[in-house]
């Protein structure tokens, strides 16, 4: 569990709590929104599902750390499917599907990007 917290930059939470792992807190009140999002990613790393759907899951995290979190998921064997209203990190994903676009009538409001960009 500590390895997961370290991977998302949250291992300091354990050291700042007098009871460490046994701390019982209302974490929604104690952790910042960014820390809460990092904790969610740590939980994904711990459980290591084959894939996860992230809907604006890193919206409070700046670009470089956000990129590292997405890369951590891949490094741990989790395939992230990211849903976002912002056009963030297109280079982080192998494929991109944009929906709700105001394009030509024959496109039906969506567009697929078949780029071969892979995570590094």
N, C-alpha and C. Protein backbone atom coordinates (compact mmCIF):
# COMPACT_ATOMS: atom_id res chain seq x y z
N UNK A 1 0.82 -1.18 0.00
CA UNK A 1 0.00 0.00 0.00
C UNK A 1 0.87 1.26 0.00
N UNK A 2 1.96 1.19 0.74
CA UNK A 2 2.84 2.36 0.79
C UNK A 2 3.47 2.62 -0.57
N UNK A 3 3.80 1.56 -1.29
CA UNK A 3 4.36 1.69 -2.63
C UNK A 3 3.37 2.41 -3.56
N UNK A 4 2.09 2.12 -3.41
CA UNK A 4 1.06 2.79 -4.20
C UNK A 4 0.98 4.26 -3.85
N UNK A 5 1.00 4.58 -2.56
CA UNK A 5 0.98 5.97 -2.13
C UNK A 5 2.21 6.72 -2.62
N UNK A 6 3.34 6.06 -2.56
CA UNK A 6 4.59 6.68 -3.03
C UNK A 6 4.52 6.95 -4.53
N UNK A 7 3.94 6.03 -5.28
CA UNK A 7 3.86 6.17 -6.74
C UNK A 7 3.03 7.37 -7.16
N UNK A 8 2.08 7.78 -6.32
CA UNK A 8 1.23 8.94 -6.65
C UNK A 8 1.62 10.19 -5.85
N UNK A 9 2.70 10.10 -5.09
CA UNK A 9 3.19 11.25 -4.34
C UNK A 9 2.39 11.56 -3.09
N UNK A 10 1.88 10.52 -2.43
CA UNK A 10 1.08 10.74 -1.22
C UNK A 10 1.62 10.06 0.03
N UNK A 11 2.81 9.51 0.00
CA UNK A 11 3.30 8.80 1.18
C UNK A 11 3.50 9.74 2.37
N UNK A 12 3.58 11.05 2.13
CA UNK A 12 3.71 12.02 3.22
C UNK A 12 2.47 12.06 4.12
N UNK A 13 1.33 11.62 3.60
CA UNK A 13 0.10 11.62 4.41
C UNK A 13 0.27 10.71 5.62
N UNK A 14 0.94 9.59 5.43
CA UNK A 14 1.15 8.66 6.55
C UNK A 14 2.04 9.26 7.62
N UNK A 15 3.07 9.98 7.21
CA UNK A 15 4.02 10.52 8.19
C UNK A 15 3.46 11.73 8.93
N UNK A 16 2.51 12.44 8.33
CA UNK A 16 1.96 13.62 9.02
C UNK A 16 0.84 13.23 10.00
N UNK A 17 0.36 12.01 9.92
CA UNK A 17 -0.68 11.54 10.82
C UNK A 17 -0.03 10.83 12.01
N UNK A 18 -0.35 11.24 13.24
CA UNK A 18 0.25 10.60 14.41
C UNK A 18 -0.01 9.09 14.47
N UNK A 19 -1.18 8.64 14.00
CA UNK A 19 -1.52 7.23 14.05
C UNK A 19 -1.16 6.48 12.77
N UNK A 20 -0.53 7.16 11.81
CA UNK A 20 -0.10 6.51 10.57
C UNK A 20 -1.23 5.78 9.88
N UNK A 21 -1.02 4.48 9.61
CA UNK A 21 -2.01 3.66 8.91
C UNK A 21 -3.33 3.57 9.67
N UNK A 22 -3.29 3.74 10.97
CA UNK A 22 -4.48 3.54 11.79
C UNK A 22 -5.28 4.82 12.00
N UNK A 23 -4.89 5.90 11.37
CA UNK A 23 -5.59 7.17 11.52
C UNK A 23 -7.02 7.05 11.00
N UNK A 24 -7.93 7.56 11.76
CA UNK A 24 -9.34 7.58 11.35
C UNK A 24 -9.72 9.05 11.23
N UNK A 25 -9.86 9.48 10.00
CA UNK A 25 -10.15 10.89 9.74
C UNK A 25 -11.25 10.98 8.70
N UNK A 26 -11.86 12.13 8.63
CA UNK A 26 -12.79 12.42 7.54
C UNK A 26 -11.93 12.94 6.40
N UNK A 27 -11.43 12.02 5.57
CA UNK A 27 -10.41 12.37 4.58
C UNK A 27 -10.89 13.40 3.58
N UNK A 28 -12.17 13.49 3.33
CA UNK A 28 -12.70 14.52 2.45
C UNK A 28 -12.47 15.91 3.00
N UNK A 29 -12.37 16.02 4.33
CA UNK A 29 -12.11 17.31 4.97
C UNK A 29 -10.62 17.56 5.16
N UNK A 30 -9.83 16.51 5.24
CA UNK A 30 -8.40 16.63 5.53
C UNK A 30 -7.56 16.79 4.25
N UNK A 31 -7.89 16.02 3.23
CA UNK A 31 -7.10 16.03 1.99
C UNK A 31 -7.59 17.11 1.03
N UNK A 32 -6.66 17.71 0.31
CA UNK A 32 -7.04 18.65 -0.74
C UNK A 32 -7.69 17.87 -1.88
N UNK A 33 -8.33 18.58 -2.81
CA UNK A 33 -8.94 17.90 -3.96
C UNK A 33 -7.88 17.16 -4.76
N UNK A 34 -6.72 17.76 -4.93
CA UNK A 34 -5.64 17.08 -5.66
C UNK A 34 -5.22 15.81 -4.94
N UNK A 35 -5.07 15.87 -3.61
CA UNK A 35 -4.70 14.68 -2.84
C UNK A 35 -5.77 13.61 -2.93
N UNK A 36 -7.04 14.02 -2.94
CA UNK A 36 -8.12 13.04 -3.08
C UNK A 36 -8.05 12.34 -4.43
N UNK A 37 -7.74 13.10 -5.49
CA UNK A 37 -7.63 12.48 -6.81
C UNK A 37 -6.41 11.55 -6.86
N UNK A 38 -5.32 11.96 -6.24
CA UNK A 38 -4.14 11.09 -6.19
C UNK A 38 -4.45 9.81 -5.42
N UNK A 39 -5.21 9.92 -4.34
CA UNK A 39 -5.58 8.75 -3.54
C UNK A 39 -6.41 7.77 -4.37
N UNK A 40 -7.29 8.29 -5.19
CA UNK A 40 -8.09 7.42 -6.07
C UNK A 40 -7.19 6.65 -7.04
N UNK A 41 -6.17 7.32 -7.57
CA UNK A 41 -5.23 6.64 -8.47
C UNK A 41 -4.44 5.59 -7.69
N UNK A 42 -4.06 5.91 -6.45
CA UNK A 42 -3.34 4.94 -5.61
C UNK A 42 -4.19 3.69 -5.38
N UNK A 43 -5.49 3.87 -5.19
CA UNK A 43 -6.39 2.73 -5.00
C UNK A 43 -6.43 1.87 -6.27
N UNK A 44 -6.42 2.52 -7.43
CA UNK A 44 -6.37 1.77 -8.69
C UNK A 44 -5.08 0.97 -8.78
N UNK A 45 -3.97 1.58 -8.41
CA UNK A 45 -2.69 0.87 -8.45
C UNK A 45 -2.72 -0.34 -7.51
N UNK A 46 -3.29 -0.16 -6.34
CA UNK A 46 -3.35 -1.25 -5.37
C UNK A 46 -4.17 -2.42 -5.89
N UNK A 47 -5.33 -2.13 -6.48
CA UNK A 47 -6.21 -3.20 -6.95
C UNK A 47 -5.84 -3.72 -8.33
N UNK A 48 -5.08 -2.97 -9.10
CA UNK A 48 -4.59 -3.34 -10.43
C UNK A 48 -5.64 -3.99 -11.33
N UNK A 49 -6.72 -3.26 -11.64
CA UNK A 49 -7.68 -3.82 -12.59
C UNK A 49 -7.06 -3.82 -13.99
N UNK A 50 -7.63 -4.57 -14.91
CA UNK A 50 -7.11 -4.61 -16.28
C UNK A 50 -7.25 -3.24 -16.95
N UNK A 51 -8.33 -2.53 -16.64
CA UNK A 51 -8.53 -1.19 -17.18
C UNK A 51 -9.34 -0.37 -16.18
N UNK A 52 -9.35 0.94 -16.38
CA UNK A 52 -10.16 1.83 -15.55
C UNK A 52 -10.71 2.95 -16.43
N UNK A 53 -11.83 3.48 -16.04
CA UNK A 53 -12.42 4.62 -16.73
C UNK A 53 -12.25 5.83 -15.82
N UNK A 54 -11.52 6.81 -16.33
CA UNK A 54 -11.24 8.02 -15.56
C UNK A 54 -12.05 9.18 -16.15
N UNK A 55 -13.01 9.67 -15.42
CA UNK A 55 -13.81 10.80 -15.90
C UNK A 55 -13.36 12.05 -15.15
N UNK A 56 -12.55 12.87 -15.82
CA UNK A 56 -11.97 14.08 -15.21
C UNK A 56 -11.32 13.73 -13.86
N UNK A 57 -10.70 12.58 -13.77
CA UNK A 57 -10.14 12.08 -12.52
C UNK A 57 -8.89 12.80 -12.06
N UNK A 58 -8.27 13.55 -12.95
CA UNK A 58 -7.05 14.27 -12.58
C UNK A 58 -7.18 15.75 -12.93
N UNK A 59 -8.39 16.26 -12.88
CA UNK A 59 -8.67 17.63 -13.32
C UNK A 59 -8.04 18.70 -12.43
N UNK A 60 -7.72 18.39 -11.18
CA UNK A 60 -7.11 19.38 -10.29
C UNK A 60 -5.59 19.28 -10.26
N UNK A 61 -5.03 18.39 -11.06
CA UNK A 61 -3.59 18.15 -11.05
C UNK A 61 -2.98 18.79 -12.29
N UNK A 62 -1.85 19.48 -12.11
CA UNK A 62 -1.21 20.14 -13.26
C UNK A 62 -0.68 19.11 -14.25
N UNK A 63 -0.32 19.59 -15.44
CA UNK A 63 -0.03 18.72 -16.60
C UNK A 63 1.07 17.70 -16.36
N UNK A 64 2.22 18.09 -15.84
CA UNK A 64 3.34 17.15 -15.69
C UNK A 64 3.02 16.06 -14.67
N UNK A 65 2.57 16.41 -13.45
CA UNK A 65 2.20 15.33 -12.52
C UNK A 65 1.05 14.47 -13.04
N UNK A 66 0.11 15.08 -13.76
CA UNK A 66 -1.00 14.32 -14.34
C UNK A 66 -0.46 13.28 -15.32
N UNK A 67 0.49 13.68 -16.12
CA UNK A 67 1.12 12.77 -17.07
C UNK A 67 1.80 11.61 -16.34
N UNK A 68 2.47 11.91 -15.24
CA UNK A 68 3.14 10.87 -14.46
C UNK A 68 2.15 9.89 -13.85
N UNK A 69 0.99 10.40 -13.42
CA UNK A 69 -0.03 9.51 -12.85
C UNK A 69 -0.60 8.57 -13.90
N UNK A 70 -0.86 9.10 -15.09
CA UNK A 70 -1.36 8.24 -16.17
C UNK A 70 -0.30 7.20 -16.55
N UNK A 71 0.97 7.62 -16.58
CA UNK A 71 2.05 6.69 -16.89
C UNK A 71 2.19 5.63 -15.81
N UNK A 72 1.98 6.02 -14.55
CA UNK A 72 2.06 5.04 -13.45
C UNK A 72 1.00 3.95 -13.63
N UNK A 73 -0.19 4.34 -14.05
CA UNK A 73 -1.23 3.34 -14.30
C UNK A 73 -0.77 2.32 -15.33
N UNK A 74 -0.22 2.83 -16.43
CA UNK A 74 0.25 1.94 -17.50
C UNK A 74 1.40 1.06 -16.99
N UNK A 75 2.33 1.66 -16.25
CA UNK A 75 3.47 0.90 -15.72
C UNK A 75 3.03 -0.22 -14.79
N UNK A 76 1.92 -0.02 -14.11
CA UNK A 76 1.39 -1.03 -13.18
C UNK A 76 0.43 -1.99 -13.88
N UNK A 77 0.30 -1.87 -15.20
CA UNK A 77 -0.52 -2.81 -15.96
C UNK A 77 -1.99 -2.46 -16.06
N UNK A 78 -2.35 -1.22 -15.76
CA UNK A 78 -3.74 -0.77 -15.83
C UNK A 78 -3.90 0.07 -17.09
N UNK A 79 -4.88 -0.26 -17.92
CA UNK A 79 -5.15 0.52 -19.13
C UNK A 79 -6.17 1.59 -18.81
N UNK A 80 -5.76 2.88 -18.84
CA UNK A 80 -6.72 3.93 -18.53
C UNK A 80 -7.53 4.36 -19.75
N UNK A 81 -8.83 4.48 -19.58
CA UNK A 81 -9.72 5.07 -20.58
C UNK A 81 -10.13 6.41 -19.99
N UNK A 82 -9.59 7.49 -20.52
CA UNK A 82 -9.80 8.81 -19.93
C UNK A 82 -10.91 9.56 -20.65
N UNK A 83 -11.90 10.01 -19.88
CA UNK A 83 -12.98 10.84 -20.39
C UNK A 83 -12.77 12.23 -19.82
N UNK A 84 -12.71 13.21 -20.70
CA UNK A 84 -12.42 14.56 -20.24
C UNK A 84 -13.13 15.58 -21.10
N UNK A 85 -13.58 16.65 -20.47
CA UNK A 85 -14.18 17.76 -21.21
C UNK A 85 -13.10 18.70 -21.72
N UNK A 86 -11.89 18.57 -21.19
CA UNK A 86 -10.75 19.38 -21.65
C UNK A 86 -9.90 18.55 -22.59
N UNK A 87 -9.22 19.21 -23.48
CA UNK A 87 -8.34 18.52 -24.42
C UNK A 87 -6.95 18.38 -23.80
N UNK A 88 -6.88 17.63 -22.72
CA UNK A 88 -5.60 17.49 -22.03
C UNK A 88 -4.90 16.21 -22.44
N UNK A 89 -3.60 16.28 -22.53
CA UNK A 89 -2.72 15.15 -22.77
C UNK A 89 -3.07 14.29 -23.97
N UNK A 90 -3.31 14.84 -25.14
CA UNK A 90 -3.59 13.97 -26.28
C UNK A 90 -2.42 13.05 -26.61
N UNK A 91 -1.19 13.46 -26.29
CA UNK A 91 -0.04 12.61 -26.58
C UNK A 91 0.07 11.43 -25.63
N UNK A 92 -0.70 11.43 -24.55
CA UNK A 92 -0.64 10.33 -23.58
C UNK A 92 -1.46 9.13 -24.01
N UNK A 93 -2.27 9.27 -25.02
CA UNK A 93 -3.19 8.20 -25.36
C UNK A 93 -2.97 7.70 -26.78
N UNK A 94 -3.20 6.41 -26.96
CA UNK A 94 -3.02 5.78 -28.27
C UNK A 94 -4.09 6.22 -29.25
N UNK A 95 -5.30 6.38 -28.77
CA UNK A 95 -6.42 6.75 -29.64
C UNK A 95 -7.24 7.83 -28.95
N UNK A 96 -7.85 8.66 -29.76
CA UNK A 96 -8.67 9.72 -29.22
C UNK A 96 -9.98 9.76 -29.98
N UNK A 97 -11.08 9.82 -29.24
CA UNK A 97 -12.40 9.94 -29.84
C UNK A 97 -13.02 11.22 -29.30
N UNK A 98 -13.32 12.15 -30.19
CA UNK A 98 -13.93 13.41 -29.78
C UNK A 98 -15.41 13.36 -30.16
N UNK A 99 -16.27 13.61 -29.18
CA UNK A 99 -17.71 13.60 -29.43
C UNK A 99 -18.30 14.98 -29.17
N UNK A 100 -19.46 15.22 -29.73
CA UNK A 100 -20.13 16.48 -29.53
C UNK A 100 -19.54 17.61 -30.34
N UNK A 101 -18.86 17.27 -31.43
CA UNK A 101 -18.23 18.28 -32.26
C UNK A 101 -19.22 18.83 -33.28
N UNK A 102 -19.02 20.07 -33.65
CA UNK A 102 -19.83 20.71 -34.68
C UNK A 102 -19.06 20.61 -35.99
N UNK A 103 -19.13 19.43 -36.60
CA UNK A 103 -18.41 19.17 -37.84
C UNK A 103 -19.39 19.06 -38.99
N UNK A 104 -18.89 18.60 -40.11
CA UNK A 104 -19.76 18.40 -41.27
C UNK A 104 -20.88 17.42 -40.93
N UNK A 105 -21.97 17.51 -41.66
CA UNK A 105 -23.16 16.71 -41.36
C UNK A 105 -22.90 15.21 -41.41
N UNK A 106 -21.99 14.76 -42.27
CA UNK A 106 -21.77 13.32 -42.39
C UNK A 106 -20.93 12.73 -41.25
N UNK A 107 -20.37 13.54 -40.37
CA UNK A 107 -19.53 13.02 -39.29
C UNK A 107 -20.33 12.66 -38.05
N UNK A 108 -21.60 13.03 -37.98
CA UNK A 108 -22.50 12.70 -36.86
C UNK A 108 -22.00 13.26 -35.53
N UNK A 109 -21.17 14.31 -35.54
CA UNK A 109 -20.74 14.95 -34.30
C UNK A 109 -19.61 14.27 -33.56
N UNK A 110 -18.91 13.35 -34.20
CA UNK A 110 -17.76 12.73 -33.56
C UNK A 110 -16.63 12.53 -34.55
N UNK A 111 -15.45 12.37 -34.01
CA UNK A 111 -14.25 12.22 -34.84
C UNK A 111 -13.27 11.31 -34.10
N UNK A 112 -12.67 10.40 -34.82
CA UNK A 112 -11.71 9.48 -34.22
C UNK A 112 -10.32 9.82 -34.73
N UNK A 113 -9.35 9.75 -33.84
CA UNK A 113 -7.96 9.99 -34.20
C UNK A 113 -7.24 8.66 -34.11
N UNK A 114 -6.76 8.15 -35.19
CA UNK A 114 -6.10 6.83 -35.21
C UNK A 114 -4.58 6.95 -35.15
N UNK A 115 -4.07 7.88 -34.35
CA UNK A 115 -2.62 8.08 -34.27
C UNK A 115 -1.95 6.89 -33.59
N UNK A 116 -0.67 6.75 -33.83
CA UNK A 116 0.10 5.66 -33.24
C UNK A 116 0.95 6.15 -32.07
N UNK A 117 0.52 7.19 -31.39
CA UNK A 117 1.26 7.72 -30.27
C UNK A 117 1.11 6.76 -29.08
N UNK A 118 2.20 6.33 -28.52
CA UNK A 118 2.17 5.43 -27.37
C UNK A 118 2.76 6.12 -26.17
N UNK A 119 2.39 5.64 -24.98
CA UNK A 119 2.95 6.19 -23.76
C UNK A 119 4.43 5.85 -23.70
N UNK A 120 5.20 6.74 -23.11
CA UNK A 120 6.64 6.47 -22.96
C UNK A 120 6.99 6.42 -21.50
